[in-house]
Amino acid sequence: MANRNRLLVPEAQQGLQRLKQEVMKKEGYQAATPDDVKFEVAKELGVPLRKGYNGHLESKDAGSIGGKIGGSMVKEMIRMAQEKMSNPTN
């Protein structure tokens, strides 16, 4: 099944991948690539995620992986925005 998530600004893909890797590194994950982070998170959560097709996964399991990654990224973006708003000269 094709990934239907599309960025409004496709040029932002590289920056988002870098942010994902940095944020998850702060969380204690040491994946070699941003895409490998999901496998580390899945292993920690006990979700049997494997490369390729994962039609056997329940929605809640897939959501727990994405929720952990996405939630961490959103928290970091909020922190960055608050920092920028409190110090607008930088």
PDB file of N, CA and C in Angstrom:
ATOM      1  N   MET A   1       0.847  -1.176   0.000  1.00  0.00           N
ATOM      2  CA  MET A   1       0.000   0.000   0.000  1.00  0.00           C
ATOM      3  C   MET A   1       0.891   1.238   0.000  1.00  0.00           C
ATOM      4  N   ALA A   2       0.579   2.175  -0.834  1.00  0.00           N
ATOM      5  CA  ALA A   2       1.383   3.393  -0.969  1.00  0.00           C
ATOM      6  C   ALA A   2       1.149   4.316   0.219  1.00  0.00           C
ATOM      7  N   ASN A   3       2.186   5.033   0.584  1.00  0.00           N
ATOM      8  CA  ASN A   3       2.083   6.030   1.641  1.00  0.00           C
ATOM      9  C   ASN A   3       1.343   7.237   1.087  1.00  0.00           C
ATOM     10  N   ARG A   4       0.244   7.603   1.691  1.00  0.00           N
ATOM     11  CA  ARG A   4      -0.572   8.710   1.191  1.00  0.00           C
ATOM     12  C   ARG A   4      -0.246  10.039   1.852  1.00  0.00           C
ATOM     13  N   ASN A   5       0.666  10.040   2.818  1.00  0.00           N
ATOM     14  CA  ASN A   5       1.029  11.288   3.470  1.00  0.00           C
ATOM     15  C   ASN A   5       1.848  12.136   2.508  1.00  0.00           C
ATOM     16  N   ARG A   6       1.399  13.354   2.291  1.00  0.00           N
ATOM     17  CA  ARG A   6       2.113  14.259   1.386  1.00  0.00           C
ATOM     18  C   ARG A   6       2.349  15.581   2.103  1.00  0.00           C
ATOM     19  N   LEU A   7       3.547  16.082   1.978  1.00  0.00           N
ATOM     20  CA  LEU A   7       3.877  17.371   2.562  1.00  0.00           C
ATOM     21  C   LEU A   7       3.338  18.489   1.684  1.00  0.00           C
ATOM     22  N   LEU A   8       2.876  19.554   2.331  1.00  0.00           N
ATOM     23  CA  LEU A   8       2.435  20.712   1.562  1.00  0.00           C
ATOM     24  C   LEU A   8       3.624  21.363   0.867  1.00  0.00           C
ATOM     25  N   VAL A   9       4.780  21.284   1.496  1.00  0.00           N
ATOM     26  CA  VAL A   9       6.020  21.821   0.916  1.00  0.00           C
ATOM     27  C   VAL A   9       6.990  20.647   0.795  1.00  0.00           C
ATOM     28  N   PRO A  10       7.030  19.992  -0.356  1.00  0.00           N
ATOM     29  CA  PRO A  10       7.895  18.817  -0.523  1.00  0.00           C
ATOM     30  C   PRO A  10       9.363  19.077  -0.213  1.00  0.00           C
ATOM     31  N   GLU A  11       9.806  20.322  -0.400  1.00  0.00           N
ATOM     32  CA  GLU A  11      11.199  20.660  -0.126  1.00  0.00           C
ATOM     33  C   GLU A  11      11.531  20.549   1.360  1.00  0.00           C
ATOM     34  N   ALA A  12      10.525  20.449   2.209  1.00  0.00           N
ATOM     35  CA  ALA A  12      10.740  20.358   3.656  1.00  0.00           C
ATOM     36  C   ALA A  12      11.057  18.939   4.111  1.00  0.00           C
ATOM     37  N   GLN A  13      10.953  17.963   3.220  1.00  0.00           N
ATOM     38  CA  GLN A  13      11.147  16.550   3.585  1.00  0.00           C
ATOM     39  C   GLN A  13      12.475  16.307   4.286  1.00  0.00           C
ATOM     40  N   GLN A  14      13.556  16.825   3.719  1.00  0.00           N
ATOM     41  CA  GLN A  14      14.882  16.588   4.299  1.00  0.00           C
ATOM     42  C   GLN A  14      14.979  17.193   5.698  1.00  0.00           C
ATOM     43  N   GLY A  15      14.440  18.377   5.882  1.00  0.00           N
ATOM     44  CA  GLY A  15      14.465  19.015   7.196  1.00  0.00           C
ATOM     45  C   GLY A  15      13.649  18.247   8.225  1.00  0.00           C
ATOM     46  N   LEU A  16      12.502  17.733   7.811  1.00  0.00           N
ATOM     47  CA  LEU A  16      11.673  16.942   8.722  1.00  0.00           C
ATOM     48  C   LEU A  16      12.361  15.637   9.113  1.00  0.00           C
ATOM     49  N   GLN A  17      13.015  15.010   8.162  1.00  0.00           N
ATOM     50  CA  GLN A  17      13.740  13.776   8.467  1.00  0.00           C
ATOM     51  C   GLN A  17      14.878  14.047   9.454  1.00  0.00           C
ATOM     52  N   ARG A  18      15.568  15.165   9.269  1.00  0.00           N
ATOM     53  CA  ARG A  18      16.654  15.544  10.179  1.00  0.00           C
ATOM     54  C   ARG A  18      16.095  15.829  11.582  1.00  0.00           C
ATOM     55  N   LEU A  19      14.958  16.549  11.637  1.00  0.00           N
ATOM     56  CA  LEU A  19      14.319  16.838  12.918  1.00  0.00           C
ATOM     57  C   LEU A  19      13.918  15.543  13.610  1.00  0.00           C
ATOM     58  N   LYS A  20      13.336  14.618  12.869  1.00  0.00           N
ATOM     59  CA  LYS A  20      12.928  13.329  13.450  1.00  0.00           C
ATOM     60  C   LYS A  20      14.118  12.616  14.075  1.00  0.00           C
ATOM     61  N   GLN A  21      15.221  12.581  13.348  1.00  0.00           N
ATOM     62  CA  GLN A  21      16.395  11.882  13.856  1.00  0.00           C
ATOM     63  C   GLN A  21      16.956  12.576  15.102  1.00  0.00           C
ATOM     64  N   GLU A  22      17.013  13.905  15.099  1.00  0.00           N
ATOM     65  CA  GLU A  22      17.533  14.646  16.245  1.00  0.00           C
ATOM     66  C   GLU A  22      16.645  14.479  17.475  1.00  0.00           C
ATOM     67  N   VAL A  23      15.337  14.588  17.264  1.00  0.00           N
ATOM     68  CA  VAL A  23      14.390  14.469  18.380  1.00  0.00           C
ATOM     69  C   VAL A  23      14.437  13.071  18.980  1.00  0.00           C
ATOM     70  N   MET A  24      14.442  12.065  18.135  1.00  0.00           N
ATOM     71  CA  MET A  24      14.434  10.705  18.652  1.00  0.00           C
ATOM     72  C   MET A  24      15.778  10.354  19.281  1.00  0.00           C
ATOM     73  N   LYS A  25      16.848  10.993  18.841  1.00  0.00           N
ATOM     74  CA  LYS A  25      18.153  10.787  19.474  1.00  0.00           C
ATOM     75  C   LYS A  25      18.105  11.316  20.907  1.00  0.00           C
ATOM     76  N   LYS A  26      17.440  12.473  21.095  1.00  0.00           N
ATOM     77  CA  LYS A  26      17.259  13.028  22.444  1.00  0.00           C
ATOM     78  C   LYS A  26      16.436  12.084  23.314  1.00  0.00           C
ATOM     79  N   GLU A  27      15.541  11.339  22.676  1.00  0.00           N
ATOM     80  CA  GLU A  27      14.685  10.386  23.393  1.00  0.00           C
ATOM     81  C   GLU A  27      15.425   9.081  23.711  1.00  0.00           C
ATOM     82  N   GLY A  28      16.648   8.940  23.186  1.00  0.00           N
ATOM     83  CA  GLY A  28      17.450   7.761  23.488  1.00  0.00           C
ATOM     84  C   GLY A  28      17.534   6.724  22.381  1.00  0.00           C
ATOM     85  N   TYR A  29      17.022   7.038  21.202  1.00  0.00           N
ATOM     86  CA  TYR A  29      17.078   6.113  20.074  1.00  0.00           C
ATOM     87  C   TYR A  29      18.285   6.459  19.216  1.00  0.00           C
ATOM     88  N   GLN A  30      18.991   5.450  18.741  1.00  0.00           N
ATOM     89  CA  GLN A  30      20.228   5.678  17.995  1.00  0.00           C
ATOM     90  C   GLN A  30      20.163   5.125  16.573  1.00  0.00           C
ATOM     91  N   ALA A  31      19.047   5.274  15.916  1.00  0.00           N
ATOM     92  CA  ALA A  31      18.881   4.740  14.557  1.00  0.00           C
ATOM     93  C   ALA A  31      19.861   5.406  13.597  1.00  0.00           C
ATOM     94  N   ALA A  32      20.348   4.625  12.651  1.00  0.00           N
ATOM     95  CA  ALA A  32      21.300   5.129  11.660  1.00  0.00           C
ATOM     96  C   ALA A  32      20.619   6.105  10.692  1.00  0.00           C
ATOM     97  N   THR A  33      19.362   5.849  10.367  1.00  0.00           N
ATOM     98  CA  THR A  33      18.617   6.735   9.477  1.00  0.00           C
ATOM     99  C   THR A  33      17.282   7.085  10.134  1.00  0.00           C
ATOM    100  N   PRO A  34      16.679   8.204   9.739  1.00  0.00           N
ATOM    101  CA  PRO A  34      15.383   8.580  10.316  1.00  0.00           C
ATOM    102  C   PRO A  34      14.315   7.507  10.122  1.00  0.00           C
ATOM    103  N   ASP A  35      14.342   6.785   9.000  1.00  0.00           N
ATOM    104  CA  ASP A  35      13.342   5.741   8.767  1.00  0.00           C
ATOM    105  C   ASP A  35      13.530   4.533   9.685  1.00  0.00           C
ATOM    106  N   ASP A  36      14.740   4.315  10.161  1.00  0.00           N
ATOM    107  CA  ASP A  36      15.000   3.186  11.057  1.00  0.00           C
ATOM    108  C   ASP A  36      14.486   3.430  12.472  1.00  0.00           C
ATOM    109  N   VAL A  37      14.181   4.680  12.807  1.00  0.00           N
ATOM    110  CA  VAL A  37      13.685   5.005  14.147  1.00  0.00           C
ATOM    111  C   VAL A  37      12.421   4.217  14.452  1.00  0.00           C
ATOM    112  N   LYS A  38      11.543   4.081  13.465  1.00  0.00           N
ATOM    113  CA  LYS A  38      10.267   3.390  13.715  1.00  0.00           C
ATOM    114  C   LYS A  38      10.491   1.939  14.134  1.00  0.00           C
ATOM    115  N   PHE A  39      11.558   1.318  13.636  1.00  0.00           N
ATOM    116  CA  PHE A  39      11.825  -0.066  14.019  1.00  0.00           C
ATOM    117  C   PHE A  39      12.329  -0.157  15.458  1.00  0.00           C
ATOM    118  N   GLU A  40      13.118   0.833  15.879  1.00  0.00           N
ATOM    119  CA  GLU A  40      13.559   0.866  17.270  1.00  0.00           C
ATOM    120  C   GLU A  40      12.387   1.087  18.207  1.00  0.00           C
ATOM    121  N   VAL A  41      11.504   2.025  17.851  1.00  0.00           N
ATOM    122  CA  VAL A  41      10.324   2.304  18.674  1.00  0.00           C
ATOM    123  C   VAL A  41       9.431   1.068  18.729  1.00  0.00           C
ATOM    124  N   ALA A  42       9.210   0.427  17.590  1.00  0.00           N
ATOM    125  CA  ALA A  42       8.366  -0.775  17.543  1.00  0.00           C
ATOM    126  C   ALA A  42       8.936  -1.868  18.437  1.00  0.00           C
ATOM    127  N   LYS A  43      10.233  -2.059  18.377  1.00  0.00           N
ATOM    128  CA  LYS A  43      10.865  -3.088  19.212  1.00  0.00           C
ATOM    129  C   LYS A  43      10.653  -2.787  20.686  1.00  0.00           C
ATOM    130  N   GLU A  44      10.839  -1.509  21.064  1.00  0.00           N
ATOM    131  CA  GLU A  44      10.641  -1.112  22.464  1.00  0.00           C
ATOM    132  C   GLU A  44       9.205  -1.344  22.922  1.00  0.00           C
ATOM    133  N   LEU A  45       8.249  -1.087  22.015  1.00  0.00           N
ATOM    134  CA  LEU A  45       6.832  -1.239  22.361  1.00  0.00           C
ATOM    135  C   LEU A  45       6.334  -2.668  22.208  1.00  0.00           C
ATOM    136  N   GLY A  46       7.180  -3.554  21.670  1.00  0.00           N
ATOM    137  CA  GLY A  46       6.773  -4.939  21.482  1.00  0.00           C
ATOM    138  C   GLY A  46       5.876  -5.148  20.274  1.00  0.00           C
ATOM    139  N   VAL A  47       5.972  -4.253  19.305  1.00  0.00           N
ATOM    140  CA  VAL A  47       5.161  -4.349  18.086  1.00  0.00           C
ATOM    141  C   VAL A  47       5.991  -5.052  17.016  1.00  0.00           C
ATOM    142  N   PRO A  48       5.458  -6.104  16.395  1.00  0.00           N
ATOM    143  CA  PRO A  48       6.219  -6.875  15.400  1.00  0.00           C
ATOM    144  C   PRO A  48       6.280  -6.192  14.028  1.00  0.00           C
ATOM    145  N   LEU A  49       6.933  -5.059  13.963  1.00  0.00           N
ATOM    146  CA  LEU A  49       7.070  -4.322  12.713  1.00  0.00           C
ATOM    147  C   LEU A  49       8.246  -4.882  11.929  1.00  0.00           C
ATOM    148  N   ARG A  50       8.055  -5.053  10.630  1.00  0.00           N
ATOM    149  CA  ARG A  50       9.157  -5.528   9.793  1.00  0.00           C
ATOM    150  C   ARG A  50       9.189  -4.694   8.514  1.00  0.00           C
ATOM    151  N   LYS A  51      10.304  -4.750   7.828  1.00  0.00           N
ATOM    152  CA  LYS A  51      10.432  -3.987   6.581  1.00  0.00           C
ATOM    153  C   LYS A  51       9.474  -4.565   5.549  1.00  0.00           C
ATOM    154  N   GLY A  52       8.917  -3.671   4.747  1.00  0.00           N
ATOM    155  CA  GLY A  52       7.967  -4.108   3.736  1.00  0.00           C
ATOM    156  C   GLY A  52       6.538  -4.025   4.230  1.00  0.00           C
ATOM    157  N   TYR A  53       5.727  -4.923   3.777  1.00  0.00           N
ATOM    158  CA  TYR A  53       4.292  -4.930   4.075  1.00  0.00           C
ATOM    159  C   TYR A  53       4.031  -5.357   5.517  1.00  0.00           C
ATOM    160  N   ASN A  54       3.177  -4.594   6.217  1.00  0.00           N
ATOM    161  CA  ASN A  54       2.841  -4.887   7.601  1.00  0.00           C
ATOM    162  C   ASN A  54       1.329  -4.953   7.803  1.00  0.00           C
ATOM    163  N   GLY A  55       0.645  -5.590   6.863  1.00  0.00           N
ATOM    164  CA  GLY A  55      -0.807  -5.696   6.927  1.00  0.00           C
ATOM    165  C   GLY A  55      -1.307  -6.467   8.131  1.00  0.00           C
ATOM    166  N   HIS A  56      -0.427  -7.209   8.780  1.00  0.00           N
ATOM    167  CA  HIS A  56      -0.806  -7.989   9.953  1.00  0.00           C
ATOM    168  C   HIS A  56      -0.950  -7.127  11.211  1.00  0.00           C
ATOM    169  N   LEU A  57      -0.424  -5.900  11.181  1.00  0.00           N
ATOM    170  CA  LEU A  57      -0.477  -5.046  12.368  1.00  0.00           C
ATOM    171  C   LEU A  57      -1.879  -4.516  12.613  1.00  0.00           C
ATOM    172  N   GLU A  58      -2.223  -4.407  13.884  1.00  0.00           N
ATOM    173  CA  GLU A  58      -3.476  -3.759  14.233  1.00  0.00           C
ATOM    174  C   GLU A  58      -3.259  -2.257  14.184  1.00  0.00           C
ATOM    175  N   SER A  59      -4.324  -1.524  13.948  1.00  0.00           N
ATOM    176  CA  SER A  59      -4.232  -0.066  13.848  1.00  0.00           C
ATOM    177  C   SER A  59      -3.646   0.548  15.108  1.00  0.00           C
ATOM    178  N   LYS A  60      -4.040   0.026  16.264  1.00  0.00           N
ATOM    179  CA  LYS A  60      -3.539   0.609  17.515  1.00  0.00           C
ATOM    180  C   LYS A  60      -2.034   0.408  17.653  1.00  0.00           C
ATOM    181  N   ASP A  61      -1.517  -0.706  17.152  1.00  0.00           N
ATOM    182  CA  ASP A  61      -0.073  -0.949  17.212  1.00  0.00           C
ATOM    183  C   ASP A  61       0.677   0.010  16.289  1.00  0.00           C
ATOM    184  N   ALA A  62       0.189   0.151  15.073  1.00  0.00           N
ATOM    185  CA  ALA A  62       0.822   1.081  14.136  1.00  0.00           C
ATOM    186  C   ALA A  62       0.732   2.503  14.672  1.00  0.00           C
ATOM    187  N   GLY A  63      -0.401   2.841  15.254  1.00  0.00           N
ATOM    188  CA  GLY A  63      -0.579   4.179  15.827  1.00  0.00           C
ATOM    189  C   GLY A  63       0.315   4.441  17.009  1.00  0.00           C
ATOM    190  N   SER A  64       0.601   3.410  17.792  1.00  0.00           N
ATOM    191  CA  SER A  64       1.475   3.618  18.951  1.00  0.00           C
ATOM    192  C   SER A  64       2.894   3.953  18.511  1.00  0.00           C
ATOM    193  N   ILE A  65       3.318   3.386  17.391  1.00  0.00           N
ATOM    194  CA  ILE A  65       4.659   3.688  16.855  1.00  0.00           C
ATOM    195  C   ILE A  65       4.689   5.127  16.344  1.00  0.00           C
ATOM    196  N   GLY A  66       3.764   5.449  15.464  1.00  0.00           N
ATOM    197  CA  GLY A  66       3.713   6.795  14.895  1.00  0.00           C
ATOM    198  C   GLY A  66       3.417   7.858  15.926  1.00  0.00           C
ATOM    199  N   GLY A  67       2.603   7.516  16.918  1.00  0.00           N
ATOM    200  CA  GLY A  67       2.267   8.471  17.968  1.00  0.00           C
ATOM    201  C   GLY A  67       3.467   8.854  18.809  1.00  0.00           C
ATOM    202  N   LYS A  68       4.293   7.880  19.102  1.00  0.00           N
ATOM    203  CA  LYS A  68       5.491   8.161  19.904  1.00  0.00           C
ATOM    204  C   LYS A  68       6.448   9.063  19.137  1.00  0.00           C
ATOM    205  N   ILE A  69       6.629   8.774  17.855  1.00  0.00           N
ATOM    206  CA  ILE A  69       7.549   9.563  17.034  1.00  0.00           C
ATOM    207  C   ILE A  69       6.954  10.951  16.777  1.00  0.00           C
ATOM    208  N   GLY A  70       5.735  10.991  16.269  1.00  0.00           N
ATOM    209  CA  GLY A  70       5.092  12.263  15.943  1.00  0.00           C
ATOM    210  C   GLY A  70       4.878  13.138  17.160  1.00  0.00           C
ATOM    211  N   GLY A  71       4.489  12.531  18.274  1.00  0.00           N
ATOM    212  CA  GLY A  71       4.280  13.297  19.497  1.00  0.00           C
ATOM    213  C   GLY A  71       5.559  13.964  19.976  1.00  0.00           C
ATOM    214  N   SER A  72       6.656  13.241  19.888  1.00  0.00           N
ATOM    215  CA  SER A  72       7.946  13.801  20.284  1.00  0.00           C
ATOM    216  C   SER A  72       8.348  14.948  19.365  1.00  0.00           C
ATOM    217  N   MET A  73       8.074  14.788  18.072  1.00  0.00           N
ATOM    218  CA  MET A  73       8.415  15.848  17.117  1.00  0.00           C
ATOM    219  C   MET A  73       7.564  17.096  17.363  1.00  0.00           C
ATOM    220  N   VAL A  74       6.278  16.917  17.634  1.00  0.00           N
ATOM    221  CA  VAL A  74       5.396  18.062  17.895  1.00  0.00           C
ATOM    222  C   VAL A  74       5.840  18.790  19.161  1.00  0.00           C
ATOM    223  N   LYS A  75       6.162  18.046  20.206  1.00  0.00           N
ATOM    224  CA  LYS A  75       6.637  18.682  21.441  1.00  0.00           C
ATOM    225  C   LYS A  75       7.882  19.518  21.191  1.00  0.00           C
ATOM    226  N   GLU A  76       8.795  18.992  20.373  1.00  0.00           N
ATOM    227  CA  GLU A  76      10.025  19.726  20.069  1.00  0.00           C
ATOM    228  C   GLU A  76       9.725  20.968  19.232  1.00  0.00           C
ATOM    229  N   MET A  77       8.818  20.863  18.264  1.00  0.00           N
ATOM    230  CA  MET A  77       8.471  22.040  17.458  1.00  0.00           C
ATOM    231  C   MET A  77       7.806  23.116  18.309  1.00  0.00           C
ATOM    232  N   ILE A  78       6.975  22.720  19.267  1.00  0.00           N
ATOM    233  CA  ILE A  78       6.346  23.683  20.177  1.00  0.00           C
ATOM    234  C   ILE A  78       7.412  24.344  21.032  1.00  0.00           C
ATOM    235  N   ARG A  79       8.352  23.546  21.549  1.00  0.00           N
ATOM    236  CA  ARG A  79       9.439  24.103  22.355  1.00  0.00           C
ATOM    237  C   ARG A  79      10.245  25.117  21.549  1.00  0.00           C
ATOM    238  N   MET A  80      10.548  24.774  20.294  1.00  0.00           N
ATOM    239  CA  MET A  80      11.319  25.669  19.431  1.00  0.00           C
ATOM    240  C   MET A  80      10.552  26.970  19.162  1.00  0.00           C
ATOM    241  N   ALA A  81       9.258  26.869  18.923  1.00  0.00           N
ATOM    242  CA  ALA A  81       8.438  28.059  18.664  1.00  0.00           C
ATOM    243  C   ALA A  81       8.359  28.943  19.899  1.00  0.00           C
ATOM    244  N   GLN A  82       8.183  28.329  21.079  1.00  0.00           N
ATOM    245  CA  GLN A  82       8.124  29.109  22.311  1.00  0.00           C
ATOM    246  C   GLN A  82       9.443  29.819  22.573  1.00  0.00           C
ATOM    247  N   GLU A  83      10.530  29.131  22.305  1.00  0.00           N
ATOM    248  CA  GLU A  83      11.850  29.727  22.485  1.00  0.00           C
ATOM    249  C   GLU A  83      12.034  30.917  21.545  1.00  0.00           C
ATOM    250  N   LYS A  84      11.614  30.756  20.308  1.00  0.00           N
ATOM    251  CA  LYS A  84      11.742  31.835  19.325  1.00  0.00           C
ATOM    252  C   LYS A  84      10.853  33.017  19.695  1.00  0.00           C
ATOM    253  N   MET A  85       9.658  32.752  20.193  1.00  0.00           N
ATOM    254  CA  MET A  85       8.746  33.830  20.571  1.00  0.00           C
ATOM    255  C   MET A  85       9.254  34.595  21.789  1.00  0.00           C
ATOM    256  N   SER A  86       9.910  33.905  22.698  1.00  0.00           N
ATOM    257  CA  SER A  86      10.411  34.566  23.907  1.00  0.00           C
ATOM    258  C   SER A  86      11.697  35.341  23.657  1.00  0.00           C
ATOM    259  N   ASN A  87      12.373  35.045  22.538  1.00  0.00           N
ATOM    260  CA  ASN A  87      13.624  35.718  22.200  1.00  0.00           C
ATOM    261  C   ASN A  87      13.617  36.008  20.692  1.00  0.00           C
ATOM    262  N   PRO A  88      12.808  36.970  20.246  1.00  0.00           N
ATOM    263  CA  PRO A  88      12.627  37.200  18.815  1.00  0.00           C
ATOM    264  C   PRO A  88      13.856  37.754  18.081  1.00  0.00           C
ATOM    265  N   THR A  89      14.887  38.178  18.778  1.00  0.00           N
ATOM    266  CA  THR A  89      16.049  38.744  18.111  1.00  0.00           C
ATOM    267  C   THR A  89      16.961  37.681  17.522  1.00  0.00           C
ATOM    268  N   ASN A  90      16.803  36.415  17.932  1.00  0.00           N
ATOM    269  CA  ASN A  90      17.672  35.325  17.421  1.00  0.00           C
ATOM    270  C   ASN A  90      17.021  34.601  16.297  1.00  0.00           C
TER     271      ASN A  90
END
